[in-house]
Structures are given as structure tokens and as C-alpha cells.
Amino acid sequence: MPATTQFPTKLVHTLKTHHGPVNAVTFSSTPGTYVLTGSSDRAIHLSRAVPNTTNNNHVSVVETTSPIQKYEAHGYSVLDIAVAADNSRFASVGGDRQVFLWDVEQGLTIRRWSGHHAKVEAVQFAGEGDAVVVSGSADTTIHIWDTRSNSYKPIQTLPEAGDTVSSLHVQMPTYSIASGSYDGRARVYDLRMGQTTVDVLGHPVTSIRCSADGNALLTSTLDGRIRMLDRTDGKLLKAFGAGPAPGHPTYYNTELRIRSVFAKADAVVLSGSESNKQDRSAQAHVFAWDVLSGDVIAAVPAGEGVKAVSCVAWNEKGKSWASGCSDGMDFLTTFFLSCSGWVLTCASPPQERSKFISKKRKTATRLTPPPTDRPYRDLERIHVPTTSCSAAMHCPLTHPSIHGYLADAQPAKVESMEFPPFPQRVVSSNSVTTPYPNEPYVDLGGYCGKSID
């Protein structure tokens, strides 16, 4: 992953199409001509990423107030969006407790799956030809759905999480699903080998991404840190956002769901942030770090009054990026001949009971953690087989048409498990339940919501 010092920072496009916080943003598949945004106004908008009027030699800021297409079927906030590789379909999730599969051209839903019992925070396509959809919910489960079937039941359920599943990423070359959850764990399900690895991070995980080669795992947590872990043994490779950087603002993420991604062929880590709560005039920034050195290479201000930039997306083909914040606007920027985009969105808070409590002011929800005397280890790797993804011959990413073969499978309980000093790994022949016996566990149930001023 080569280092880079250049990063796009100049604004070229502003999208003001939503009437509420934008919670999700994603580019269309290669070449990434369009951008999809999901908002708390319950709508999904399709817009051009870079307007036709943009001149690469003399870039001027273009403002768009009307999208190309609107997709309106959600009854609650839209929290995540995923686009199929052929750009003909996309999936969306939110507070409806449903997973929506859309036809892009027709603007209509193809499927609606209702297997979750709480809001759904994450969605991804997977399988050959994007034949399956993977969703993660506040009901602590991950469901896998067959897009080619008329069945309303998931073909597989992964129930190991102990709190809201906030983020998902499917790594198809390895047939694995990475998930982050508010119980402070990053889990990787190897569906072919029937094993699950669990990295104990000690803080609620708000974002998770795999590198293109599948060797690294990028996690964001509510201690204001972004960690890059080795997929093989769980060791910490690099930490980002650890303290102030000379000449740049400080990275903050302690209360809201902030997404982070790899960019520039895995040479850069890109993330939104929160504003400094001690300074009422402070604004949030979009941060970019060099993967090798860990240095901040860009800190782009989100605009006056913006308190959080919660979601970012990178377009490798167009060398462009998008981010979102609480004023419901989208922005695009350029650096020399490469362009990038902002979609300013409000972070989705990590708790089912937390809600957007002021529609007129378009504010997000802040979480105040409960006091606790229970310590937890910062990083720890657990490697265990699990019956919820037990056989390679039944891997749903390769055989999605085998329905219900493990839908009712229950993981065996672990009677006892001792944890050796970090960073050794625990290997067990049993599957696990959460929280793990004898392991310090932070209960997030006591979190309370407060409005951001």
C-alpha cells in the first residue's frame, strides 16, 4: 500500500436535495458516475457525483437542489445503502426493521424482507453475481437473504453479537463477513471454514472495513480511535486519531456512529468526525491519514455549524470521495485533475432507544455512557468455530439457494473460558455466545440520548 501525500480537498459540487440528516452515502459501481444518499427524511436520492458543467481546468462550485431520481418507500430513517456491481439494483435499510431491494431504473422495490426485530443499521451485497444480501440489526443478528428466492425467511442467521450490529463488510475472495457491533467486538465469519474470529476492542464499534487484499481490518470505535488490525492474528498494525496532529485539528469520535473507509488503493484511511464539544463554534472535519506513516494528510472542514460528519465513500475509479453531515447537504471537491465528493450526514447513534429528537433543528443524538467500574482489555483475539456458519458445502455465498439449512441452528454454550494475557489467542472447539463467560463486558443498555446543541 504505497504512501500518498496528495488528497482532493477543493469543493466542486454541493447537493441540497434532502430535508433531513443524510445517514448513508455510496457511489454507483464502476465508474462511479452517480451517488446514492439516504436520509432521515425517509427518502433515497440518486444524483450525479460530478456535474457535467464542471471544468477540470477551472473548477467552480455547482449546487444541485433536485435529484435525478427519488426512491420513497421507507417509513423511517434510511441508515445504510449498498449498490450491486451491475448498478441495476441497490439495497437499503433503516428504522423500518426491513431490508429493501430496489430496481434502480424503475424506482420500485423488488423485495422487502422483514426478519429483523429492530432497526437495521448495515447492509451489503455478497455472493456470486450479488445473489445474496447481508444485513445487520439492532436486534443483535446478521441475516443473509437470497435475492433469487421468493422466500421471506433468511437463509442463514448469525446471532453471536451481544449488541447492535452497526457495520458490515463482505470480503468475497475469502468468502467472509466482517461485522462490528456495540458490544465492542469486531467479528469475522469465515463461512467456508465455519469459523469466527472475534477481536475484543473494548469500545462500541461503529465501522468496519476490509482492505482490498483481505489482510487488514479497519475498525472505528467510540474511544476516538481508528484501528487497523491484522486479519491473521488480530495484532494492531496502526492506530489513527490518537491525539492531536501538528498543524491539523484533533479527530473526535466519542458519541456518534462515524464511518471510515480505505481510499486510494488502500494507501489512505478516510473518515468523518465529530466537532470539539468544548468549543461551541467548532465544526467537524473529514480526515485522511497515510496508512504507512499514520500521519494526517488532510483535514477538510465540513462547514460552519456542522457538528458531525458520519459517513464517507470513496470512488477508486474517479479518485473521488463523498461525505455526509447533519445539515443534509452533499458536497464534491477536487484536487488538481482528481475530484472528490462530500455528502454531509448526521451520524446514526449506537442505541435502539436513541432517536432524532428535533426534526426542525435537524439534530442528531448524543450518547452519554453510563459509569462503570468494570475494566476491559483494549485488544484481544478469540478464534472459535461456530455452528451458525458450519460447513463449506453449505456456504450461503456460494450456495444461496439452500434455504433454512442453518436458520434454526443454535450455537453451543461455553461453560468456561479463561483469557490469557494480550495478545495471545483463545482456541476452542465450541461455538460461543455473547457476552463470553468470565469476560469483562460493558453493558451499553444504560446509554441515554441527549440532543446536540
Protein backbone atom coordinates (compact mmCIF):
# COMPACT_ATOMS: atom_id res chain seq x y z
CA MET A 1 0.00 0.00 0.00
CA PRO A 2 2.03 2.99 -1.25
CA ALA A 3 2.07 6.21 0.73
CA THR A 4 0.47 9.30 -0.67
CA THR A 5 0.64 12.99 0.18
CA GLN A 6 -1.94 14.33 -2.27
CA PHE A 7 -5.59 14.26 -1.44
CA PRO A 8 -8.57 16.10 -3.01
CA THR A 9 -9.74 18.99 -0.88
CA LYS A 10 -11.37 21.63 -3.11
CA LEU A 11 -15.18 21.82 -3.18
CA VAL A 12 -16.81 21.48 -6.62
CA HIS A 13 -20.35 20.20 -6.05
CA THR A 14 -22.99 20.75 -3.38
CA LEU A 15 -26.13 18.59 -3.26
CA LYS A 16 -29.00 20.12 -1.29
CA THR A 17 -31.71 17.60 -2.11
CA HIS A 18 -32.69 16.21 1.31
CA HIS A 19 -34.81 17.78 4.05
CA GLY A 20 -33.08 15.99 6.90
CA PRO A 21 -29.77 14.50 8.02
CA VAL A 22 -28.13 12.22 5.46
CA ASN A 23 -27.20 8.92 7.12
CA ALA A 24 -25.76 6.96 4.19
CA VAL A 25 -23.84 7.69 1.01
CA THR A 26 -22.43 5.40 -1.66
CA PHE A 27 -21.18 5.73 -5.20
CA SER A 28 -22.62 3.67 -8.01
CA SER A 29 -20.37 0.84 -9.11
CA THR A 30 -17.53 1.49 -11.56
CA PRO A 31 -17.05 4.15 -12.86
CA GLY A 32 -18.98 5.80 -10.01
CA THR A 33 -20.80 8.41 -12.09
CA TYR A 34 -23.68 8.68 -9.62
CA VAL A 35 -24.11 8.88 -5.88
CA LEU A 36 -26.94 7.49 -3.73
CA THR A 37 -27.80 9.18 -0.45
CA GLY A 38 -30.16 8.03 2.31
CA SER A 39 -31.62 10.43 4.84
CA SER A 40 -33.73 10.80 7.95
CA ASP A 41 -36.36 12.36 5.67
CA ARG A 42 -37.05 8.68 4.71
CA ALA A 43 -36.00 9.17 1.07
CA ILE A 44 -33.14 7.89 -1.08
CA HIS A 45 -31.84 10.20 -3.80
CA LEU A 46 -29.85 9.44 -6.94
CA SER A 47 -27.67 12.32 -8.16
CA ARG A 48 -24.68 12.86 -10.41
CA ALA A 49 -21.45 12.79 -8.44
CA VAL A 50 -19.66 15.39 -10.54
CA PRO A 51 -21.89 17.70 -12.60
CA ASN A 52 -21.46 17.93 -16.35
CA THR A 53 -20.68 21.64 -16.06
CA THR A 54 -17.50 21.02 -14.08
CA ASN A 55 -14.34 22.08 -15.91
CA ASN A 56 -11.20 20.35 -14.66
CA ASN A 57 -9.05 23.37 -15.55
CA HIS A 58 -11.21 25.86 -13.70
CA VAL A 59 -13.39 24.21 -11.09
CA SER A 60 -16.34 26.16 -9.74
CA VAL A 61 -18.74 25.03 -7.05
CA VAL A 62 -22.02 23.74 -8.51
CA GLU A 63 -25.15 23.47 -6.36
CA THR A 64 -27.83 20.87 -7.07
CA THR A 65 -31.24 21.05 -5.40
CA SER A 66 -33.14 18.31 -7.28
CA PRO A 67 -32.01 14.67 -7.61
CA ILE A 68 -32.24 12.64 -10.80
CA GLN A 69 -34.44 10.05 -9.10
CA LYS A 70 -36.18 9.66 -5.75
CA TYR A 71 -36.85 6.31 -4.08
CA GLU A 72 -39.58 6.58 -1.47
CA ALA A 73 -40.84 3.51 0.36
CA HIS A 74 -39.22 3.78 3.78
CA GLY A 75 -41.40 4.82 6.67
CA TYR A 76 -38.44 5.64 8.91
CA SER A 77 -34.90 6.99 8.58
CA VAL A 78 -32.67 5.37 5.96
CA LEU A 79 -29.46 4.23 7.68
CA ASP A 80 -27.43 2.37 5.05
CA ILE A 81 -27.31 1.69 1.29
CA ALA A 82 -25.45 -0.86 -0.85
CA VAL A 83 -25.24 -0.93 -4.67
CA ALA A 84 -24.98 -4.09 -6.78
CA ALA A 85 -21.98 -4.45 -9.10
CA ASP A 86 -24.11 -4.15 -12.25
CA ASN A 87 -25.78 -0.93 -10.99
CA SER A 88 -29.23 -2.36 -11.73
CA ARG A 89 -30.20 -2.85 -8.07
CA PHE A 90 -29.45 -1.44 -4.66
CA ALA A 91 -30.40 -2.42 -1.11
CA SER A 92 -31.38 -0.07 1.70
CA VAL A 93 -32.14 -0.45 5.41
CA GLY A 94 -33.29 1.74 8.27
CA GLY A 95 -35.72 2.11 11.11
CA ASP A 96 -38.42 0.09 9.30
CA ARG A 97 -36.84 -3.19 10.53
CA GLN A 98 -36.92 -4.28 6.90
CA VAL A 99 -34.42 -4.82 4.10
CA PHE A 100 -35.45 -3.18 0.81
CA LEU A 101 -34.19 -4.38 -2.58
CA TRP A 102 -34.71 -1.79 -5.34
CA ASP A 103 -34.78 -1.67 -9.12
CA VAL A 104 -32.72 1.41 -9.99
CA GLU A 105 -34.37 2.18 -13.34
CA GLN A 106 -37.97 1.52 -12.32
CA GLY A 107 -37.63 3.15 -8.92
CA LEU A 108 -39.63 0.34 -7.29
CA THR A 109 -38.89 -2.26 -4.64
CA ILE A 110 -38.23 -5.82 -5.83
CA ARG A 111 -38.15 -7.46 -2.39
CA ARG A 112 -38.91 -6.48 1.19
CA TRP A 113 -37.59 -8.79 3.89
CA SER A 114 -38.98 -8.40 7.41
CA GLY A 115 -36.98 -10.84 9.52
CA HIS A 116 -35.39 -8.33 11.89
CA HIS A 117 -36.98 -7.21 15.16
CA ALA A 118 -35.28 -3.82 15.50
CA LYS A 119 -33.86 -1.14 13.23
CA VAL A 120 -31.38 -2.34 10.62
CA GLU A 121 -28.11 -0.40 10.55
CA ALA A 122 -25.99 -2.12 7.89
CA VAL A 123 -26.43 -3.85 4.53
CA GLN A 124 -24.09 -5.37 1.93
CA PHE A 125 -24.35 -7.40 -1.27
CA ALA A 126 -22.50 -10.71 -1.43
CA GLY A 127 -22.26 -13.97 -3.35
CA GLU A 128 -21.67 -14.69 -7.00
CA GLY A 129 -23.49 -12.11 -9.08
CA ASP A 130 -24.64 -10.36 -5.89
CA ALA A 131 -27.09 -13.20 -5.32
CA VAL A 132 -27.40 -12.58 -1.59
CA VAL A 133 -27.88 -9.58 0.69
CA VAL A 134 -26.41 -9.41 4.19
CA SER A 135 -28.00 -7.19 6.86
CA GLY A 136 -27.06 -6.30 10.44
CA SER A 137 -29.55 -5.06 13.01
CA ALA A 138 -30.06 -3.65 16.48
CA ASP A 139 -31.66 -6.99 17.34
CA THR A 140 -28.03 -8.28 17.50
CA THR A 141 -28.36 -10.59 14.49
CA ILE A 142 -26.96 -10.76 10.97
CA HIS A 143 -29.33 -12.15 8.34
CA ILE A 144 -28.39 -13.48 4.90
CA TRP A 145 -31.09 -13.24 2.21
CA ASP A 146 -31.37 -14.93 -1.19
CA THR A 147 -32.31 -12.32 -3.81
CA ARG A 148 -33.35 -15.03 -6.30
CA SER A 149 -35.89 -16.61 -3.98
CA ASN A 150 -39.43 -15.57 -3.12
CA SER A 151 -38.95 -16.76 0.45
CA TYR A 152 -39.40 -14.15 3.17
CA LYS A 153 -37.07 -16.02 5.56
CA PRO A 154 -33.29 -15.55 5.73
CA ILE A 155 -31.23 -18.48 4.51
CA GLN A 156 -28.88 -18.04 7.46
CA THR A 157 -28.71 -16.11 10.73
CA LEU A 158 -25.55 -15.20 12.64
CA PRO A 159 -26.61 -14.46 16.25
CA GLU A 160 -23.26 -14.05 18.03
CA ALA A 161 -23.33 -10.27 18.64
CA GLY A 162 -24.25 -9.04 22.11
CA ASP A 163 -25.50 -5.62 20.99
CA THR A 164 -26.44 -3.68 17.85
CA VAL A 165 -24.63 -4.78 14.68
CA SER A 166 -23.57 -1.37 13.38
CA SER A 167 -21.44 -2.18 10.35
CA LEU A 168 -20.78 -4.95 7.82
CA HIS A 169 -18.28 -5.64 5.06
CA VAL A 170 -18.24 -8.71 2.82
CA GLN A 171 -14.86 -9.90 1.50
CA MET A 172 -15.78 -12.16 -1.41
CA PRO A 173 -12.30 -13.53 -2.29
CA THR A 174 -12.20 -15.09 1.19
CA TYR A 175 -15.97 -15.71 1.49
CA SER A 176 -16.03 -13.92 4.83
CA ILE A 177 -18.29 -11.39 6.54
CA ALA A 178 -16.77 -8.79 8.86
CA SER A 179 -19.09 -7.18 11.40
CA GLY A 180 -18.73 -4.51 14.04
CA SER A 181 -21.12 -4.16 16.97
CA TYR A 182 -21.73 -2.04 20.03
CA ASP A 183 -20.59 -4.81 22.38
CA GLY A 184 -17.04 -3.77 21.48
CA ARG A 185 -16.28 -6.69 19.17
CA ALA A 186 -15.13 -7.00 15.58
CA ARG A 187 -16.14 -10.40 14.23
CA VAL A 188 -15.07 -12.07 11.01
CA TYR A 189 -17.17 -15.04 9.87
CA ASP A 190 -15.36 -17.44 7.55
CA LEU A 191 -18.41 -19.09 6.01
CA ARG A 192 -16.43 -21.71 4.12
CA MET A 193 -14.34 -22.88 7.07
CA GLY A 194 -17.16 -22.46 9.58
CA GLN A 195 -15.08 -20.34 11.95
CA THR A 196 -15.48 -16.97 13.61
CA THR A 197 -12.66 -14.75 14.86
CA VAL A 198 -13.51 -12.14 17.48
CA ASP A 199 -11.34 -9.11 18.20
CA VAL A 200 -12.20 -7.52 21.55
CA LEU A 201 -11.75 -3.76 21.15
CA GLY A 202 -13.30 -2.67 24.43
CA HIS A 203 -15.39 0.15 22.93
CA PRO A 204 -18.50 0.20 20.72
CA VAL A 205 -17.53 -0.46 17.09
CA THR A 206 -19.19 1.94 14.66
CA SER A 207 -17.48 0.99 11.39
CA ILE A 208 -15.60 -1.94 9.89
CA ARG A 209 -13.92 -2.42 6.50
CA CYS A 210 -11.58 -4.99 4.96
CA SER A 211 -8.64 -3.98 2.79
CA ALA A 212 -8.75 -4.97 -0.88
CA ASP A 213 -6.30 -7.83 -0.33
CA GLY A 214 -8.23 -9.02 2.72
CA ASN A 215 -5.19 -8.88 5.02
CA ALA A 216 -6.20 -5.88 7.12
CA LEU A 217 -9.30 -4.88 9.06
CA LEU A 218 -10.19 -1.22 9.65
CA THR A 219 -12.33 -0.53 12.72
CA SER A 220 -13.71 2.70 14.21
CA THR A 221 -14.69 2.82 17.88
CA LEU A 222 -16.24 5.32 20.28
CA ASP A 223 -12.96 5.97 22.09
CA GLY A 224 -11.98 8.27 19.22
CA ARG A 225 -9.65 5.77 17.57
CA ILE A 226 -9.48 4.06 14.21
CA ARG A 227 -7.50 0.83 14.34
CA MET A 228 -6.08 -1.25 11.51
CA LEU A 229 -5.75 -4.88 12.58
CA ASP A 230 -4.01 -7.86 11.03
CA ARG A 231 -6.70 -10.26 9.80
CA THR A 232 -4.47 -13.26 10.52
CA ASP A 233 -3.69 -12.81 14.20
CA GLY A 234 -5.59 -9.68 15.27
CA LYS A 235 -2.46 -7.67 16.07
CA LEU A 236 -2.64 -3.90 15.89
CA LEU A 237 -0.93 -2.65 12.72
CA LYS A 238 -1.66 1.07 13.02
CA ALA A 239 -3.86 3.43 15.05
CA PHE A 240 -5.25 6.68 13.67
CA GLY A 241 -6.72 9.66 15.51
CA ALA A 242 -4.65 9.09 18.64
CA GLY A 243 -4.18 12.66 19.84
CA PRO A 244 -3.71 16.00 18.10
CA ALA A 245 -1.69 16.15 14.87
CA PRO A 246 0.67 19.09 14.30
CA GLY A 247 -0.93 21.65 12.02
CA HIS A 248 -4.29 19.83 11.94
CA PRO A 249 -7.42 19.76 14.13
CA THR A 250 -7.96 16.91 16.56
CA TYR A 251 -10.01 13.90 15.50
CA TYR A 252 -13.08 13.31 17.69
CA ASN A 253 -15.46 10.33 17.78
CA THR A 254 -16.88 9.52 21.19
CA GLU A 255 -20.67 9.66 20.82
CA LEU A 256 -21.93 9.04 17.26
CA ARG A 257 -21.70 6.40 14.57
CA ILE A 258 -18.85 7.52 12.31
CA ARG A 259 -17.91 5.57 9.17
CA SER A 260 -14.33 5.12 7.94
CA VAL A 261 -13.04 3.53 4.72
CA PHE A 262 -9.86 2.72 2.84
CA ALA A 263 -9.08 5.06 -0.08
CA LYS A 264 -6.51 5.48 -2.87
CA ALA A 265 -5.90 1.74 -3.33
CA ASP A 266 -5.67 1.18 0.43
CA ALA A 267 -2.96 3.85 0.79
CA VAL A 268 -5.22 6.22 2.75
CA VAL A 269 -7.73 5.92 5.59
CA LEU A 270 -10.69 8.29 5.18
CA SER A 271 -13.15 9.11 7.97
CA GLY A 272 -15.67 11.63 9.18
CA SER A 273 -15.56 13.04 12.70
CA GLU A 274 -17.39 14.94 15.40
CA SER A 275 -16.72 18.53 16.35
CA ASN A 276 -14.95 19.55 19.54
CA LYS A 277 -17.71 19.57 22.17
CA GLN A 278 -15.74 22.03 24.31
CA ASP A 279 -15.86 24.66 21.56
CA ARG A 280 -19.41 25.54 20.51
CA SER A 281 -18.13 27.27 17.36
CA ALA A 282 -16.06 24.27 16.25
CA GLN A 283 -17.00 22.33 13.13
CA ALA A 284 -16.49 18.71 12.14
CA HIS A 285 -13.85 17.64 9.61
CA VAL A 286 -13.21 14.87 7.12
CA PHE A 287 -9.83 13.31 7.95
CA ALA A 288 -7.40 11.43 5.73
CA TRP A 289 -4.38 9.53 7.09
CA ASP A 290 -1.46 7.90 5.32
CA VAL A 291 -1.69 4.18 6.02
CA LEU A 292 2.05 3.57 6.33
CA SER A 293 3.08 6.56 8.43
CA GLY A 294 -0.21 7.19 10.22
CA ASP A 295 0.17 10.93 9.58
CA VAL A 296 -2.77 13.21 8.80
CA ILE A 297 -2.52 14.22 5.13
CA ALA A 298 -5.79 16.18 5.00
CA ALA A 299 -8.41 17.57 7.38
CA VAL A 300 -11.22 19.09 5.32
CA PRO A 301 -13.68 21.31 7.25
CA ALA A 302 -17.31 20.30 6.82
CA GLY A 303 -18.68 23.82 7.07
CA GLU A 304 -19.82 26.28 9.68
CA GLY A 305 -22.29 24.79 12.15
CA VAL A 306 -21.69 21.17 11.12
CA LYS A 307 -21.29 19.10 14.28
CA ALA A 308 -20.72 15.66 12.77
CA VAL A 309 -19.64 14.05 9.51
CA SER A 310 -20.83 10.49 9.87
CA CYS A 311 -20.45 8.72 6.53
CA VAL A 312 -17.83 8.76 3.80
CA ALA A 313 -17.48 6.92 0.49
CA TRP A 314 -14.52 6.58 -1.87
CA ASN A 315 -14.68 6.09 -5.64
CA GLU A 316 -11.45 4.44 -6.77
CA LYS A 317 -12.12 4.83 -10.48
CA GLY A 318 -12.79 8.55 -10.33
CA LYS A 319 -10.44 9.21 -7.39
CA SER A 320 -13.38 10.91 -5.73
CA TRP A 321 -14.97 10.83 -2.30
CA ALA A 322 -18.24 11.75 -0.66
CA SER A 323 -19.17 12.50 2.93
CA GLY A 324 -22.29 13.43 4.89
CA CYS A 325 -23.28 15.65 7.83
CA SER A 326 -26.20 16.88 9.92
CA ASP A 327 -27.36 19.72 7.68
CA GLY A 328 -28.48 17.28 4.98
CA MET A 329 -26.19 18.62 2.26
CA ASP A 330 -23.79 16.88 -0.13
CA PHE A 331 -20.52 18.32 -1.38
CA LEU A 332 -17.97 17.37 -4.05
CA THR A 333 -14.36 18.54 -4.18
CA THR A 334 -11.37 18.34 -6.49
CA PHE A 335 -7.58 18.36 -6.26
CA PHE A 336 -5.78 19.09 -9.50
CA LEU A 337 -7.30 16.63 -12.00
CA SER A 338 -8.90 14.30 -9.44
CA CYS A 339 -12.26 15.03 -7.89
CA SER A 340 -13.86 14.12 -4.61
CA GLY A 341 -17.24 14.48 -3.01
CA TRP A 342 -18.81 15.32 0.29
CA VAL A 343 -22.18 14.19 1.47
CA LEU A 344 -22.79 15.81 4.81
CA THR A 345 -24.82 13.50 7.03
CA CYS A 346 -25.79 13.06 10.63
CA ALA A 347 -24.43 10.05 12.48
CA SER A 348 -26.80 7.29 13.48
CA PRO A 349 -26.37 6.79 17.24
CA PRO A 350 -25.42 3.35 18.58
CA GLN A 351 -28.58 2.53 20.52
CA GLU A 352 -32.10 1.44 19.52
CA ARG A 353 -33.72 3.79 22.03
CA SER A 354 -31.86 6.84 20.76
CA LYS A 355 -33.80 8.86 18.20
CA PHE A 356 -33.57 12.10 16.32
CA ILE A 357 -35.50 14.24 18.79
CA SER A 358 -35.65 17.58 16.98
CA LYS A 359 -36.81 17.45 13.37
CA LYS A 360 -36.99 21.20 12.99
CA ARG A 361 -33.42 21.74 14.14
CA LYS A 362 -32.27 18.57 12.32
CA THR A 363 -30.08 17.50 15.19
CA ALA A 364 -28.53 14.14 15.91
CA THR A 365 -28.48 12.21 19.16
CA ARG A 366 -25.59 12.18 21.57
CA LEU A 367 -24.82 9.24 23.82
CA THR A 368 -23.61 9.59 27.37
CA PRO A 369 -22.02 6.34 28.57
CA PRO A 370 -23.06 5.04 31.98
CA PRO A 371 -20.45 4.99 34.73
CA THR A 372 -18.88 1.58 35.17
CA ASP A 373 -16.10 0.12 37.28
CA ARG A 374 -15.75 -2.91 35.03
CA PRO A 375 -12.46 -2.72 33.12
CA TYR A 376 -11.93 -4.30 29.74
CA ARG A 377 -8.89 -5.23 27.71
CA ASP A 378 -8.08 -2.93 24.83
CA LEU A 379 -7.42 -5.61 22.23
CA GLU A 380 -7.81 -9.36 22.38
CA ARG A 381 -8.28 -12.02 19.73
CA ILE A 382 -10.54 -15.03 20.13
CA HIS A 383 -10.66 -17.68 17.43
CA VAL A 384 -13.51 -20.17 17.62
CA PRO A 385 -15.53 -22.37 15.27
CA THR A 386 -19.25 -21.57 15.26
CA THR A 387 -22.21 -23.69 14.27
CA SER A 388 -24.01 -20.71 12.75
CA CYS A 389 -21.69 -20.97 9.73
CA SER A 390 -20.59 -24.55 9.90
CA ALA A 391 -19.95 -26.13 6.51
CA ALA A 392 -18.15 -25.05 3.36
CA MET A 393 -20.50 -27.11 1.23
CA HIS A 394 -23.38 -25.06 2.64
CA CYS A 395 -21.75 -21.64 2.38
CA PRO A 396 -24.62 -19.22 1.55
CA LEU A 397 -22.29 -17.04 -0.51
CA THR A 398 -21.67 -19.95 -2.89
CA HIS A 399 -24.97 -21.87 -2.48
CA PRO A 400 -27.63 -19.25 -1.66
CA SER A 401 -30.48 -21.44 -2.90
CA ILE A 402 -30.16 -23.89 0.00
CA HIS A 403 -32.83 -22.39 2.28
CA GLY A 404 -33.13 -22.70 6.02
CA TYR A 405 -30.42 -25.28 6.47
CA LEU A 406 -28.99 -23.44 9.45
CA ALA A 407 -31.68 -20.88 10.18
CA ASP A 408 -32.62 -22.60 13.42
CA ALA A 409 -29.11 -23.70 14.42
CA GLN A 410 -28.19 -22.65 17.95
CA PRO A 411 -24.55 -22.19 19.00
CA ALA A 412 -23.32 -24.40 21.80
CA LYS A 413 -22.76 -22.63 25.09
CA VAL A 414 -19.27 -22.27 26.52
CA GLU A 415 -19.18 -23.40 30.11
CA SER A 416 -15.94 -21.59 30.94
CA MET A 417 -13.28 -19.64 29.10
CA GLU A 418 -10.13 -18.16 30.61
CA PHE A 419 -8.46 -15.27 28.85
CA PRO A 420 -4.64 -15.31 28.65
CA PRO A 421 -2.67 -12.04 28.66
CA PHE A 422 -2.90 -9.96 25.50
CA PRO A 423 -2.22 -10.65 22.66
CA GLN A 424 -2.48 -14.45 22.87
CA ARG A 425 -5.43 -16.13 21.24
CA VAL A 426 -8.00 -18.50 22.69
CA VAL A 427 -8.84 -21.53 20.57
CA SER A 428 -11.96 -23.52 21.34
CA SER A 429 -13.79 -26.40 19.71
CA ASN A 430 -17.10 -24.93 20.80
CA SER A 431 -19.00 -22.02 19.37
CA VAL A 432 -19.59 -19.00 21.55
CA THR A 433 -22.37 -16.89 22.90
CA THR A 434 -22.12 -13.24 23.92
CA PRO A 435 -21.23 -11.99 26.44
CA TYR A 436 -18.46 -14.57 26.95
CA PRO A 437 -18.35 -16.22 30.39
CA ASN A 438 -15.72 -14.77 32.76
CA GLU A 439 -15.01 -11.90 30.37
CA PRO A 440 -15.43 -8.26 31.42
CA TYR A 441 -18.38 -6.93 29.48
CA VAL A 442 -19.61 -3.38 29.10
CA ASP A 443 -23.39 -3.20 29.04
CA LEU A 444 -24.50 -0.40 26.72
CA GLY A 445 -28.11 -0.57 27.84
CA GLY A 446 -27.66 2.39 30.16
CA TYR A 447 -26.86 4.87 27.42
CA CYS A 448 -29.15 7.87 27.29
CA GLY A 449 -29.81 10.22 24.40
CA LYS A 450 -29.22 13.95 24.53
CA SER A 451 -29.64 16.43 21.74
CA ILE A 452 -26.68 18.19 20.19
CA ASP A 453 -26.87 21.95 20.56
